[in-house]
Amino acid sequence: MSATEVERLARRAGFVFAGEVLRTGATNVELVEPTKETAVVRVERVLSSPDDLGAARGSEVTVRLQSPAKKGQRAVFFTVGWIAGDGLAVQELGRQPAGALEEMEKQMRDVGRKDELAALRRRVKEAHAVVVGEVGDTGPVGRKEAPPGSEHDPLWRSAVVVVERGEKGDVKEGQRLRVAYASSRDVMWFRAPKPEPGERAVFLLHQHELPELNVEMLAILEPLDMQPVERLDEIRRVI
């Protein structure tokens, strides 16, 4: 399989795993009818998966096949989510022999690094300021905590970031910046940065309107917006 093909499939697939076909024309998900296009596959190794998918090694998933498979076949399945409930069903985008598993994992890691670097460049370019700093106290954005406005409310809080060095923007050493962050653990926000007092990091700060509180302020919104200090040289190269 060419690196280009792995790259194409890896970017489209949400769940990539090596597995063995246990049963063809079968399903283990109540909402999926067994057809000649469905098979039950045991997961032997997860190569890429969303954090909340819950498909671990040894679990069985129903796969809607793109092409026929045989019982006992071992392969790497590139899939996207389909149905989750009493079990997990996914739709196949592509399949490759499991013999090249190590090389395929390396190619997928390369794709991940390439995409992450591109995303980091975008966030640095968009940032109002980039600073190295330490988190002081955290607290409500306003005078008191605002009650949740909806199921997906970000539950905005703020952190004081004491600037050690400004790398981008009009910021100075010793400046204390109040930065908004989403404290919610809701599915929409659980990956957003959640700074703790005493943490030292590189912060990519974005000017952001908080419509729930009718205020605009600096904020860290995406996972890339709070980086370990060890990545500072890399971030400087991007700047």
C-alpha atoms as a PDB file:
ATOM      1  CA  MET A   1       0.000   0.000   0.000  1.00  0.00           C
ATOM      2  CA  SER A   2       1.446   3.342  -1.004  1.00  0.00           C
ATOM      3  CA  ALA A   3       2.058   6.097   1.515  1.00  0.00           C
ATOM      4  CA  THR A   4      -0.328   8.280  -0.496  1.00  0.00           C
ATOM      5  CA  GLU A   5      -3.142   5.735  -0.180  1.00  0.00           C
ATOM      6  CA  VAL A   6      -2.551   5.330   3.574  1.00  0.00           C
ATOM      7  CA  GLU A   7      -2.585   9.104   3.922  1.00  0.00           C
ATOM      8  CA  ARG A   8      -5.864   9.376   1.995  1.00  0.00           C
ATOM      9  CA  LEU A   9      -7.603   6.634   4.003  1.00  0.00           C
ATOM     10  CA  ALA A  10      -6.167   7.695   7.359  1.00  0.00           C
ATOM     11  CA  ARG A  11      -7.536  11.227   6.943  1.00  0.00           C
ATOM     12  CA  ARG A  12     -11.005   9.920   6.107  1.00  0.00           C
ATOM     13  CA  ALA A  13     -11.194   7.078   8.624  1.00  0.00           C
ATOM     14  CA  GLY A  14     -12.187   7.651  12.233  1.00  0.00           C
ATOM     15  CA  PHE A  15     -11.454   4.106  13.441  1.00  0.00           C
ATOM     16  CA  VAL A  16      -8.574   2.048  12.054  1.00  0.00           C
ATOM     17  CA  PHE A  17      -7.865  -1.390  13.462  1.00  0.00           C
ATOM     18  CA  ALA A  18      -6.302  -4.748  12.712  1.00  0.00           C
ATOM     19  CA  GLY A  19      -8.789  -7.549  13.154  1.00  0.00           C
ATOM     20  CA  GLU A  20      -9.952 -11.056  12.299  1.00  0.00           C
ATOM     21  CA  VAL A  21     -13.234 -11.781  10.528  1.00  0.00           C
ATOM     22  CA  LEU A  22     -15.218 -14.088  12.822  1.00  0.00           C
ATOM     23  CA  ARG A  23     -18.510 -14.371  10.945  1.00  0.00           C
ATOM     24  CA  THR A  24     -19.684 -13.176   7.541  1.00  0.00           C
ATOM     25  CA  GLY A  25     -23.280 -12.304   6.696  1.00  0.00           C
ATOM     26  CA  ALA A  26     -23.649 -11.530  10.400  1.00  0.00           C
ATOM     27  CA  THR A  27     -24.114  -8.737  12.898  1.00  0.00           C
ATOM     28  CA  ASN A  28     -23.913  -8.249  16.650  1.00  0.00           C
ATOM     29  CA  VAL A  29     -25.787  -4.935  16.656  1.00  0.00           C
ATOM     30  CA  GLU A  30     -29.555  -5.152  16.996  1.00  0.00           C
ATOM     31  CA  LEU A  31     -30.232  -2.207  14.685  1.00  0.00           C
ATOM     32  CA  VAL A  32     -28.179  -3.688  11.837  1.00  0.00           C
ATOM     33  CA  GLU A  33     -29.729  -6.363   9.644  1.00  0.00           C
ATOM     34  CA  PRO A  34     -27.342  -9.162   8.641  1.00  0.00           C
ATOM     35  CA  THR A  35     -26.619  -9.090   4.909  1.00  0.00           C
ATOM     36  CA  LYS A  36     -23.891 -10.351   2.597  1.00  0.00           C
ATOM     37  CA  GLU A  37     -22.211  -6.971   3.171  1.00  0.00           C
ATOM     38  CA  THR A  38     -21.926  -7.287   6.968  1.00  0.00           C
ATOM     39  CA  ALA A  39     -19.418  -9.195   9.073  1.00  0.00           C
ATOM     40  CA  VAL A  40     -18.486  -9.465  12.731  1.00  0.00           C
ATOM     41  CA  VAL A  41     -14.797  -8.708  13.230  1.00  0.00           C
ATOM     42  CA  ARG A  42     -12.730  -9.110  16.402  1.00  0.00           C
ATOM     43  CA  VAL A  43     -10.432  -6.166  17.129  1.00  0.00           C
ATOM     44  CA  GLU A  44      -6.837  -7.340  17.563  1.00  0.00           C
ATOM     45  CA  ARG A  45      -5.047  -3.994  17.531  1.00  0.00           C
ATOM     46  CA  VAL A  46      -6.284  -0.409  17.425  1.00  0.00           C
ATOM     47  CA  LEU A  47      -4.256   1.896  15.176  1.00  0.00           C
ATOM     48  CA  SER A  48      -6.449   4.984  15.408  1.00  0.00           C
ATOM     49  CA  SER A  49      -9.654   5.677  17.303  1.00  0.00           C
ATOM     50  CA  PRO A  50     -11.692   8.515  18.823  1.00  0.00           C
ATOM     51  CA  ASP A  51     -11.199   8.718  22.596  1.00  0.00           C
ATOM     52  CA  ASP A  52     -14.839   7.939  23.328  1.00  0.00           C
ATOM     53  CA  LEU A  53     -15.397   5.059  20.879  1.00  0.00           C
ATOM     54  CA  GLY A  54     -14.890   2.303  23.447  1.00  0.00           C
ATOM     55  CA  ALA A  55     -13.684  -0.346  20.954  1.00  0.00           C
ATOM     56  CA  ALA A  56     -10.744  -2.002  22.663  1.00  0.00           C
ATOM     57  CA  ARG A  57      -8.612  -5.009  21.804  1.00  0.00           C
ATOM     58  CA  GLY A  58     -10.694  -8.169  21.984  1.00  0.00           C
ATOM     59  CA  SER A  59     -14.020  -6.440  21.364  1.00  0.00           C
ATOM     60  CA  GLU A  60     -16.225  -7.445  18.442  1.00  0.00           C
ATOM     61  CA  VAL A  61     -17.614  -4.926  15.962  1.00  0.00           C
ATOM     62  CA  THR A  62     -19.985  -5.180  13.049  1.00  0.00           C
ATOM     63  CA  VAL A  63     -18.429  -3.986   9.809  1.00  0.00           C
ATOM     64  CA  ARG A  64     -20.390  -3.016   6.718  1.00  0.00           C
ATOM     65  CA  LEU A  65     -17.923  -4.277   4.156  1.00  0.00           C
ATOM     66  CA  GLN A  66     -16.837  -2.426   1.047  1.00  0.00           C
ATOM     67  CA  SER A  67     -15.799  -5.705  -0.606  1.00  0.00           C
ATOM     68  CA  PRO A  68     -16.317  -9.401   0.285  1.00  0.00           C
ATOM     69  CA  ALA A  69     -14.341 -10.937   3.141  1.00  0.00           C
ATOM     70  CA  LYS A  70     -13.781 -14.495   4.282  1.00  0.00           C
ATOM     71  CA  LYS A  71     -14.084 -16.008   7.743  1.00  0.00           C
ATOM     72  CA  GLY A  72     -10.651 -16.085   9.374  1.00  0.00           C
ATOM     73  CA  GLN A  73      -9.277 -13.273   7.213  1.00  0.00           C
ATOM     74  CA  ARG A  74      -6.948 -10.931   9.053  1.00  0.00           C
ATOM     75  CA  ALA A  75      -6.652  -7.384   7.767  1.00  0.00           C
ATOM     76  CA  VAL A  76      -6.375  -3.712   8.662  1.00  0.00           C
ATOM     77  CA  PHE A  77      -9.796  -2.066   8.411  1.00  0.00           C
ATOM     78  CA  PHE A  78     -10.141   1.668   7.717  1.00  0.00           C
ATOM     79  CA  THR A  79     -13.644   2.603   8.904  1.00  0.00           C
ATOM     80  CA  VAL A  80     -15.996   5.378   9.979  1.00  0.00           C
ATOM     81  CA  GLY A  81     -18.633   5.202  12.698  1.00  0.00           C
ATOM     82  CA  TRP A  82     -22.114   4.002  11.754  1.00  0.00           C
ATOM     83  CA  ILE A  83     -24.212   2.889  14.742  1.00  0.00           C
ATOM     84  CA  ALA A  84     -23.377   2.754  18.451  1.00  0.00           C
ATOM     85  CA  GLY A  85     -25.778   1.396  21.045  1.00  0.00           C
ATOM     86  CA  ASP A  86     -25.968  -2.209  22.193  1.00  0.00           C
ATOM     87  CA  GLY A  87     -22.791  -2.692  20.155  1.00  0.00           C
ATOM     88  CA  LEU A  88     -20.644  -0.873  17.621  1.00  0.00           C
ATOM     89  CA  ALA A  89     -21.165  -0.921  13.861  1.00  0.00           C
ATOM     90  CA  VAL A  90     -18.794   0.786  11.438  1.00  0.00           C
ATOM     91  CA  GLN A  91     -18.590   1.263   7.679  1.00  0.00           C
ATOM     92  CA  GLU A  92     -15.471   0.195   5.840  1.00  0.00           C
ATOM     93  CA  LEU A  93     -13.631   2.697   3.639  1.00  0.00           C
ATOM     94  CA  GLY A  94     -10.722   0.443   2.753  1.00  0.00           C
ATOM     95  CA  ARG A  95      -8.891  -2.718   3.817  1.00  0.00           C
ATOM     96  CA  GLN A  96      -5.298  -3.866   3.654  1.00  0.00           C
ATOM     97  CA  PRO A  97      -3.486  -7.119   4.533  1.00  0.00           C
ATOM     98  CA  ALA A  98      -2.287  -7.180   8.133  1.00  0.00           C
ATOM     99  CA  GLY A  99       1.215  -8.255   7.072  1.00  0.00           C
ATOM    100  CA  ALA A 100       2.348  -4.659   6.536  1.00  0.00           C
ATOM    101  CA  LEU A 101       1.011  -3.516   9.915  1.00  0.00           C
ATOM    102  CA  GLU A 102       4.224  -1.997  11.297  1.00  0.00           C
ATOM    103  CA  GLU A 103       4.890   0.027   8.149  1.00  0.00           C
ATOM    104  CA  MET A 104       1.269   1.140   8.037  1.00  0.00           C
ATOM    105  CA  GLU A 105       1.411   2.338  11.661  1.00  0.00           C
ATOM    106  CA  LYS A 106       4.540   4.357  10.852  1.00  0.00           C
ATOM    107  CA  GLN A 107       2.855   5.913   7.818  1.00  0.00           C
ATOM    108  CA  MET A 108      -0.198   6.824   9.918  1.00  0.00           C
ATOM    109  CA  ARG A 109       1.988   8.399  12.610  1.00  0.00           C
ATOM    110  CA  ASP A 110       3.661  10.478   9.895  1.00  0.00           C
ATOM    111  CA  VAL A 111       0.244  11.615   8.659  1.00  0.00           C
ATOM    112  CA  GLY A 112      -0.759  12.528  12.216  1.00  0.00           C
ATOM    113  CA  ARG A 113       2.409  14.566  12.769  1.00  0.00           C
ATOM    114  CA  LYS A 114       2.008  16.339   9.424  1.00  0.00           C
ATOM    115  CA  ASP A 115      -1.612  17.248  10.157  1.00  0.00           C
ATOM    116  CA  GLU A 116      -0.830  18.340  13.714  1.00  0.00           C
ATOM    117  CA  LEU A 117       1.981  20.624  12.517  1.00  0.00           C
ATOM    118  CA  ALA A 118      -0.310  22.171   9.894  1.00  0.00           C
ATOM    119  CA  ALA A 119      -2.947  22.783  12.572  1.00  0.00           C
ATOM    120  CA  LEU A 120      -0.331  24.280  14.922  1.00  0.00           C
ATOM    121  CA  ARG A 121       0.817  26.663  12.184  1.00  0.00           C
ATOM    122  CA  ARG A 122      -2.773  27.748  11.665  1.00  0.00           C
ATOM    123  CA  ARG A 123      -3.367  28.384  15.377  1.00  0.00           C
ATOM    124  CA  VAL A 124      -0.095  30.327  15.749  1.00  0.00           C
ATOM    125  CA  LYS A 125      -0.908  32.451  12.701  1.00  0.00           C
ATOM    126  CA  GLU A 126      -4.423  33.191  14.016  1.00  0.00           C
ATOM    127  CA  ALA A 127      -3.262  33.913  17.592  1.00  0.00           C
ATOM    128  CA  HIS A 128      -3.520  37.450  18.943  1.00  0.00           C
ATOM    129  CA  ALA A 129      -0.539  36.679  21.176  1.00  0.00           C
ATOM    130  CA  VAL A 130       1.812  33.797  21.997  1.00  0.00           C
ATOM    131  CA  VAL A 131       3.369  33.765  25.466  1.00  0.00           C
ATOM    132  CA  VAL A 132       5.327  31.558  27.801  1.00  0.00           C
ATOM    133  CA  GLY A 133       3.791  31.851  31.229  1.00  0.00           C
ATOM    134  CA  GLU A 134       2.647  30.290  34.469  1.00  0.00           C
ATOM    135  CA  VAL A 135      -0.949  29.927  35.579  1.00  0.00           C
ATOM    136  CA  GLY A 136      -1.790  31.862  38.722  1.00  0.00           C
ATOM    137  CA  ASP A 137      -5.267  31.679  40.153  1.00  0.00           C
ATOM    138  CA  THR A 138      -8.403  30.559  38.301  1.00  0.00           C
ATOM    139  CA  GLY A 139     -11.955  31.734  38.860  1.00  0.00           C
ATOM    140  CA  PRO A 140     -15.184  32.903  37.235  1.00  0.00           C
ATOM    141  CA  VAL A 141     -15.035  35.241  34.273  1.00  0.00           C
ATOM    142  CA  GLY A 142     -17.376  37.699  35.985  1.00  0.00           C
ATOM    143  CA  ARG A 143     -17.997  38.383  39.641  1.00  0.00           C
ATOM    144  CA  LYS A 144     -19.570  34.972  40.154  1.00  0.00           C
ATOM    145  CA  GLU A 145     -20.080  31.671  38.365  1.00  0.00           C
ATOM    146  CA  ALA A 146     -22.729  31.853  35.658  1.00  0.00           C
ATOM    147  CA  PRO A 147     -25.302  29.019  35.663  1.00  0.00           C
ATOM    148  CA  PRO A 148     -25.273  26.703  32.620  1.00  0.00           C
ATOM    149  CA  GLY A 149     -27.292  28.142  29.760  1.00  0.00           C
ATOM    150  CA  SER A 150     -27.662  24.885  27.823  1.00  0.00           C
ATOM    151  CA  GLU A 151     -26.524  21.278  27.676  1.00  0.00           C
ATOM    152  CA  HIS A 152     -23.417  22.261  25.700  1.00  0.00           C
ATOM    153  CA  ASP A 153     -22.598  25.424  27.637  1.00  0.00           C
ATOM    154  CA  PRO A 154     -18.781  25.825  27.759  1.00  0.00           C
ATOM    155  CA  LEU A 155     -18.966  26.962  31.424  1.00  0.00           C
ATOM    156  CA  TRP A 156     -16.421  29.740  30.920  1.00  0.00           C
ATOM    157  CA  ARG A 157     -13.852  30.346  33.630  1.00  0.00           C
ATOM    158  CA  SER A 158     -10.715  32.456  33.569  1.00  0.00           C
ATOM    159  CA  ALA A 159      -7.080  31.902  34.480  1.00  0.00           C
ATOM    160  CA  VAL A 160      -4.448  34.505  35.244  1.00  0.00           C
ATOM    161  CA  VAL A 161      -1.375  33.822  33.114  1.00  0.00           C
ATOM    162  CA  VAL A 162       1.784  35.514  34.417  1.00  0.00           C
ATOM    163  CA  VAL A 163       3.924  36.218  31.344  1.00  0.00           C
ATOM    164  CA  GLU A 164       7.547  35.068  31.423  1.00  0.00           C
ATOM    165  CA  ARG A 165       8.214  35.853  27.749  1.00  0.00           C
ATOM    166  CA  GLY A 166       6.159  37.250  24.936  1.00  0.00           C
ATOM    167  CA  GLU A 167       6.785  35.475  21.631  1.00  0.00           C
ATOM    168  CA  LYS A 168       4.111  37.198  19.555  1.00  0.00           C
ATOM    169  CA  GLY A 169       1.915  40.231  20.163  1.00  0.00           C
ATOM    170  CA  ASP A 170       2.237  43.288  22.400  1.00  0.00           C
ATOM    171  CA  VAL A 171       2.897  41.575  25.731  1.00  0.00           C
ATOM    172  CA  LYS A 172       5.634  42.096  28.287  1.00  0.00           C
ATOM    173  CA  GLU A 173       7.427  40.069  30.925  1.00  0.00           C
ATOM    174  CA  GLY A 174       5.549  40.114  34.226  1.00  0.00           C
ATOM    175  CA  GLN A 175       2.235  41.090  32.640  1.00  0.00           C
ATOM    176  CA  ARG A 176      -0.792  39.315  34.118  1.00  0.00           C
ATOM    177  CA  LEU A 177      -3.253  38.269  31.454  1.00  0.00           C
ATOM    178  CA  ARG A 178      -6.756  37.068  32.262  1.00  0.00           C
ATOM    179  CA  VAL A 179      -7.539  34.250  29.851  1.00  0.00           C
ATOM    180  CA  ALA A 180     -10.895  32.530  29.344  1.00  0.00           C
ATOM    181  CA  TYR A 181     -11.172  28.756  29.012  1.00  0.00           C
ATOM    182  CA  ALA A 182     -14.020  26.243  28.772  1.00  0.00           C
ATOM    183  CA  SER A 183     -14.287  24.266  32.021  1.00  0.00           C
ATOM    184  CA  SER A 184     -17.103  22.033  30.718  1.00  0.00           C
ATOM    185  CA  ARG A 185     -16.487  18.294  30.321  1.00  0.00           C
ATOM    186  CA  ASP A 186     -19.260  18.086  27.740  1.00  0.00           C
ATOM    187  CA  VAL A 187     -18.413  16.230  24.510  1.00  0.00           C
ATOM    188  CA  MET A 188     -18.055  19.570  22.692  1.00  0.00           C
ATOM    189  CA  TRP A 189     -15.503  20.916  25.170  1.00  0.00           C
ATOM    190  CA  PHE A 190     -13.763  18.063  26.999  1.00  0.00           C
ATOM    191  CA  ARG A 191     -10.592  18.393  24.885  1.00  0.00           C
ATOM    192  CA  ALA A 192     -10.351  22.168  25.321  1.00  0.00           C
ATOM    193  CA  PRO A 193      -7.423  23.277  27.564  1.00  0.00           C
ATOM    194  CA  LYS A 194      -8.194  23.406  31.287  1.00  0.00           C
ATOM    195  CA  PRO A 195      -5.270  25.170  32.981  1.00  0.00           C
ATOM    196  CA  GLU A 196      -4.469  24.541  36.642  1.00  0.00           C
ATOM    197  CA  PRO A 197      -2.677  26.902  39.050  1.00  0.00           C
ATOM    198  CA  GLY A 198       1.091  26.422  38.851  1.00  0.00           C
ATOM    199  CA  GLU A 199       1.099  25.029  35.315  1.00  0.00           C
ATOM    200  CA  ARG A 200       3.768  26.447  33.032  1.00  0.00           C
ATOM    201  CA  ALA A 201       3.137  26.350  29.294  1.00  0.00           C
ATOM    202  CA  VAL A 202       3.181  28.112  25.957  1.00  0.00           C
ATOM    203  CA  PHE A 203      -0.207  29.771  25.434  1.00  0.00           C
ATOM    204  CA  LEU A 204      -1.626  30.616  21.993  1.00  0.00           C
ATOM    205  CA  LEU A 205      -4.083  33.353  22.935  1.00  0.00           C
ATOM    206  CA  HIS A 206      -7.021  34.265  20.732  1.00  0.00           C
ATOM    207  CA  GLN A 207      -9.322  37.247  21.010  1.00  0.00           C
ATOM    208  CA  HIS A 208     -12.734  35.649  21.463  1.00  0.00           C
ATOM    209  CA  GLU A 209     -16.264  36.820  22.088  1.00  0.00           C
ATOM    210  CA  LEU A 210     -18.116  35.015  24.878  1.00  0.00           C
ATOM    211  CA  PRO A 211     -21.740  35.642  23.847  1.00  0.00           C
ATOM    212  CA  GLU A 212     -23.054  33.819  26.915  1.00  0.00           C
ATOM    213  CA  LEU A 213     -21.426  36.502  29.100  1.00  0.00           C
ATOM    214  CA  ASN A 214     -21.545  39.401  26.619  1.00  0.00           C
ATOM    215  CA  VAL A 215     -17.804  39.965  26.843  1.00  0.00           C
ATOM    216  CA  GLU A 216     -14.757  39.676  24.572  1.00  0.00           C
ATOM    217  CA  MET A 217     -11.417  38.578  25.991  1.00  0.00           C
ATOM    218  CA  LEU A 218      -8.323  36.497  25.362  1.00  0.00           C
ATOM    219  CA  ALA A 219      -9.076  32.771  25.361  1.00  0.00           C
ATOM    220  CA  ILE A 220      -7.582  29.323  24.817  1.00  0.00           C
ATOM    221  CA  LEU A 221     -10.118  27.246  22.908  1.00  0.00           C
ATOM    222  CA  GLU A 222      -8.518  24.346  21.065  1.00  0.00           C
ATOM    223  CA  PRO A 223      -6.192  21.617  22.403  1.00  0.00           C
ATOM    224  CA  LEU A 224      -3.252  23.160  20.514  1.00  0.00           C
ATOM    225  CA  ASP A 225      -3.677  26.506  22.309  1.00  0.00           C
ATOM    226  CA  MET A 226      -1.807  25.270  25.404  1.00  0.00           C
ATOM    227  CA  GLN A 227       1.528  23.618  24.617  1.00  0.00           C
ATOM    228  CA  PRO A 228       4.338  22.199  26.771  1.00  0.00           C
ATOM    229  CA  VAL A 229       7.318  24.536  27.092  1.00  0.00           C
ATOM    230  CA  GLU A 230       9.470  21.836  25.473  1.00  0.00           C
ATOM    231  CA  ARG A 231       7.786  22.717  22.148  1.00  0.00           C
ATOM    232  CA  LEU A 232       8.801  26.383  22.330  1.00  0.00           C
ATOM    233  CA  ASP A 233      11.598  26.130  19.739  1.00  0.00           C
ATOM    234  CA  GLU A 234       9.213  24.420  17.325  1.00  0.00           C
ATOM    235  CA  ILE A 235       6.596  27.126  17.885  1.00  0.00           C
ATOM    236  CA  ARG A 236       9.216  29.848  17.397  1.00  0.00           C
ATOM    237  CA  ARG A 237      10.064  28.362  14.010  1.00  0.00           C
ATOM    238  CA  VAL A 238       6.379  28.556  13.087  1.00  0.00           C
ATOM    239  CA  ILE A 239       6.230  32.211  14.219  1.00  0.00           C
END
